[in-house]
Amino acid sequence: MNNSIASELKYPYFASPERAKSIQEGYKIIKIGMELNEVKEILGEPDEIQDLYEPKIKKPKKIGFTYWYIIQRTKRTGSQNKKNETLVRISFGLSGQVVKVDRW
């Protein structure tokens, strides 16, 4: 997949107040096991999609994909200082079900 929609965003990026509120309220509703279409109904289209690989292995295999919902980010590749970005990452397994929800 490795489809980075974020290349269309201009940086520094700040979501509109409406989108920021929708992401901040919507991610709290997302539960482990939810289907991809359910997540899209709640949060809309993601700002970025990336492949998800096994952690800390030399030649990891793909285990799913992630949807990134960006509220604020100073540059395209993200920031070393997480204080400079606010976002939600929804991780899906290969079956398309939520396996993890992160926010920072």
Protein backbone atom coordinates (compact mmCIF):
# COMPACT_ATOMS: atom_id res chain seq x y z
CA MET A 1 0.00 0.00 0.00
CA ASN A 2 2.44 2.68 1.23
CA ASN A 3 0.15 5.33 -0.21
CA SER A 4 1.06 8.63 1.38
CA ILE A 5 -1.82 11.01 0.74
CA ALA A 6 0.00 13.58 2.89
CA SER A 7 2.12 14.60 -0.10
CA GLU A 8 -0.87 16.75 -1.09
CA LEU A 9 -0.76 18.67 2.21
CA LYS A 10 1.17 21.94 2.60
CA TYR A 11 3.51 22.18 5.60
CA PRO A 12 3.40 23.33 8.26
CA TYR A 13 -0.07 21.78 8.26
CA PHE A 14 -2.97 22.65 10.53
CA ALA A 15 -6.34 20.95 10.08
CA SER A 16 -9.37 23.20 9.94
CA PRO A 17 -11.08 23.67 13.32
CA GLU A 18 -13.95 21.46 12.14
CA ARG A 19 -11.64 18.63 11.02
CA ALA A 20 -9.53 18.88 14.18
CA LYS A 21 -12.65 18.61 16.34
CA SER A 22 -13.96 15.68 14.29
CA ILE A 23 -10.65 13.79 14.72
CA GLN A 24 -10.31 14.61 18.42
CA GLU A 25 -13.84 13.47 19.21
CA GLY A 26 -14.04 10.61 16.71
CA TYR A 27 -10.90 8.68 17.62
CA LYS A 28 -12.31 8.08 21.12
CA ILE A 29 -15.12 6.04 19.54
CA ILE A 30 -12.77 3.74 17.60
CA LYS A 31 -12.48 0.29 19.21
CA ILE A 32 -10.22 -2.71 18.61
CA GLY A 33 -11.87 -5.04 16.08
CA MET A 34 -13.80 -2.33 14.20
CA GLU A 35 -13.86 -2.66 10.42
CA LEU A 36 -12.17 -0.23 8.03
CA ASN A 37 -15.48 1.13 6.72
CA GLU A 38 -16.65 1.85 10.29
CA VAL A 39 -13.51 3.90 10.96
CA LYS A 40 -14.01 5.88 7.73
CA GLU A 41 -17.63 6.59 8.69
CA ILE A 42 -16.44 8.10 11.99
CA LEU A 43 -13.20 9.85 10.98
CA GLY A 44 -13.52 10.24 7.21
CA GLU A 45 -10.66 9.71 4.78
CA PRO A 46 -7.18 9.62 6.34
CA ASP A 47 -4.50 12.20 5.60
CA GLU A 48 -1.91 9.46 5.15
CA ILE A 49 -1.85 5.68 4.68
CA GLN A 50 1.25 3.60 5.43
CA ASP A 51 2.12 -0.08 5.52
CA LEU A 52 2.53 -1.67 8.96
CA TYR A 53 5.39 -4.11 9.54
CA GLU A 54 6.49 -6.41 12.34
CA PRO A 55 8.46 -4.39 14.91
CA LYS A 56 12.19 -4.72 15.59
CA ILE A 57 12.98 -7.45 13.06
CA LYS A 58 15.69 -7.17 10.35
CA LYS A 59 13.46 -8.30 7.49
CA PRO A 60 9.95 -7.67 8.80
CA LYS A 61 6.87 -8.88 6.99
CA LYS A 62 3.85 -6.68 6.39
CA ILE A 63 1.22 -7.22 9.07
CA GLY A 64 -1.27 -4.50 8.14
CA PHE A 65 -1.51 -0.79 7.44
CA THR A 66 -2.07 2.47 9.28
CA TYR A 67 -4.38 5.43 8.74
CA TRP A 68 -2.98 8.76 9.93
CA TYR A 69 -5.29 11.66 10.79
CA ILE A 70 -3.19 14.79 11.12
CA ILE A 71 -4.33 17.72 13.24
CA GLN A 72 -1.00 19.57 13.26
CA ARG A 73 2.43 18.75 11.79
CA THR A 74 5.35 21.09 11.15
CA LYS A 75 6.90 19.13 8.26
CA ARG A 76 6.00 16.31 5.90
CA THR A 77 8.23 13.64 7.47
CA GLY A 78 6.97 14.32 10.97
CA SER A 79 8.91 15.84 13.79
CA GLN A 80 11.53 14.43 16.13
CA ASN A 81 9.79 16.45 18.84
CA LYS A 82 6.26 15.08 19.16
CA LYS A 83 5.24 18.37 20.77
CA ASN A 84 5.32 19.82 17.24
CA GLU A 85 2.67 17.48 15.93
CA THR A 86 -0.78 16.33 16.93
CA LEU A 87 -2.27 13.32 15.21
CA VAL A 88 -4.15 10.06 15.48
CA ARG A 89 -2.87 6.77 14.04
CA ILE A 90 -5.26 3.86 13.53
CA SER A 91 -3.50 0.52 12.92
CA PHE A 92 -5.27 -2.24 11.00
CA GLY A 93 -4.36 -5.90 10.58
CA LEU A 94 -4.32 -7.49 7.15
CA SER A 95 -8.00 -8.39 7.63
CA GLY A 96 -8.89 -4.68 7.78
CA GLN A 97 -9.83 -4.65 11.46
CA VAL A 98 -8.47 -2.16 14.00
CA VAL A 99 -5.65 -3.56 16.13
CA LYS A 100 -4.45 -0.35 17.81
CA VAL A 101 -5.32 3.34 18.24
CA ASP A 102 -2.61 5.89 19.07
CA ARG A 103 -2.79 9.62 19.65
CA TRP A 104 -0.12 12.23 20.24
